Protein backbone atom coordinates (compact mmCIF):
# COMPACT_ATOMS: atom_id res chain seq x y z
CA UNK A 1 -12.32 31.16 -0.52
CA UNK A 2 -13.14 27.78 -0.78
CA UNK A 3 -16.88 26.78 -1.77
CA UNK A 4 -19.19 24.17 -3.24
CA UNK A 5 -17.94 24.34 -6.52
CA UNK A 6 -15.14 22.56 -4.74
CA UNK A 7 -16.34 19.49 -3.41
CA UNK A 8 -18.22 18.95 -7.32
CA UNK A 9 -14.29 19.07 -8.20
CA UNK A 10 -13.41 16.53 -5.82
CA UNK A 11 -16.16 14.59 -6.25
CA UNK A 12 -15.61 14.33 -10.38
CA UNK A 13 -11.34 13.72 -9.90
CA UNK A 14 -12.66 11.00 -7.56
CA UNK A 15 -15.14 9.18 -10.41
CA UNK A 16 -12.15 9.95 -12.45
CA UNK A 17 -10.00 8.22 -9.95
CA UNK A 18 -12.22 5.15 -9.55
CA UNK A 19 -12.84 5.13 -13.62
CA UNK A 20 -9.47 4.46 -14.31
CA UNK A 21 -8.50 1.73 -11.40
CA UNK A 22 -11.78 0.05 -13.36
CA UNK A 23 -10.26 0.00 -16.42
CA UNK A 24 -7.30 -1.14 -15.58
CA UNK A 25 -7.47 -3.36 -12.90
CA UNK A 26 -5.59 -5.89 -14.67
CA UNK A 27 -3.08 -3.98 -15.55
CA UNK A 28 -2.49 -2.80 -11.76
CA UNK A 29 -2.83 -6.51 -10.31
CA UNK A 30 0.05 -7.56 -12.69
CA UNK A 31 1.85 -4.92 -11.61
CA UNK A 32 1.00 -5.50 -7.84
CA UNK A 33 1.92 -8.85 -8.41
CA UNK A 34 5.15 -8.73 -10.11
CA UNK A 35 8.87 -9.40 -8.68
CA UNK A 36 9.36 -5.71 -9.08
CA UNK A 37 6.95 -4.82 -6.70
CA UNK A 38 7.64 -7.61 -4.15
CA UNK A 39 11.10 -6.17 -4.52
CA UNK A 40 9.83 -3.13 -3.35
CA UNK A 41 7.78 -3.53 -1.15
CA UNK A 42 10.09 -6.01 0.88
CA UNK A 43 12.48 -2.84 1.23
CA UNK A 44 10.10 -0.75 2.25
CA UNK A 45 7.89 -3.46 5.00
CA UNK A 46 11.46 -3.77 6.09
CA UNK A 47 12.49 -0.56 6.50
CA UNK A 48 8.85 0.78 8.38
CA UNK A 49 9.29 -3.18 10.77
CA UNK A 50 12.71 -1.86 11.73
CA UNK A 51 11.45 1.66 12.45
CA UNK A 52 8.45 -0.27 14.46
CA UNK A 53 11.23 -2.02 16.72
CA UNK A 54 13.10 0.91 17.64
CA UNK A 55 10.30 2.65 19.06
CA UNK A 56 8.16 -0.34 20.66
CA UNK A 57 9.61 -2.44 23.22
CA UNK A 58 11.95 -5.79 22.33
CA UNK A 59 9.05 -7.74 23.76
CA UNK A 60 6.82 -6.50 20.41
CA UNK A 61 9.34 -7.59 17.84
CA UNK A 62 7.40 -11.17 17.21
CA UNK A 63 3.88 -9.38 16.35
CA UNK A 64 6.17 -6.28 14.10
CA UNK A 65 7.08 -8.86 12.03
CA UNK A 66 3.97 -10.72 11.94
CA UNK A 67 2.03 -7.71 11.07
CA UNK A 68 5.07 -7.25 8.43
CA UNK A 69 4.75 -10.97 7.14
CA UNK A 70 0.80 -10.12 6.83
CA UNK A 71 1.08 -7.90 4.71
CA UNK A 72 3.87 -8.46 2.30
CA UNK A 73 1.46 -11.69 1.07
CA UNK A 74 -0.62 -9.20 -0.57
CA UNK A 75 1.96 -7.90 -2.07
CA UNK A 76 4.51 -9.17 -5.15
CA UNK A 77 4.80 -12.65 -6.44
CA UNK A 78 6.04 -14.78 -2.71
CA UNK A 79 3.21 -15.37 -0.71
């Protein structure tokens, strides 16, 4: 049975994760802005965009592409 103690463990894990991110933010930013991240993000975003286009009417394709491009500008090396 889950109890109040489980929340304390979750809070502790959350704090450790936050500390890790804070201590390594420069390394994390470098990784997110790398050529490898660009290649991976392009493949993932292209796949998601294509899947979205298959389930939405064709008139929404341009909007799907716009959203994909806006997300892509925040990951990798290409603006």
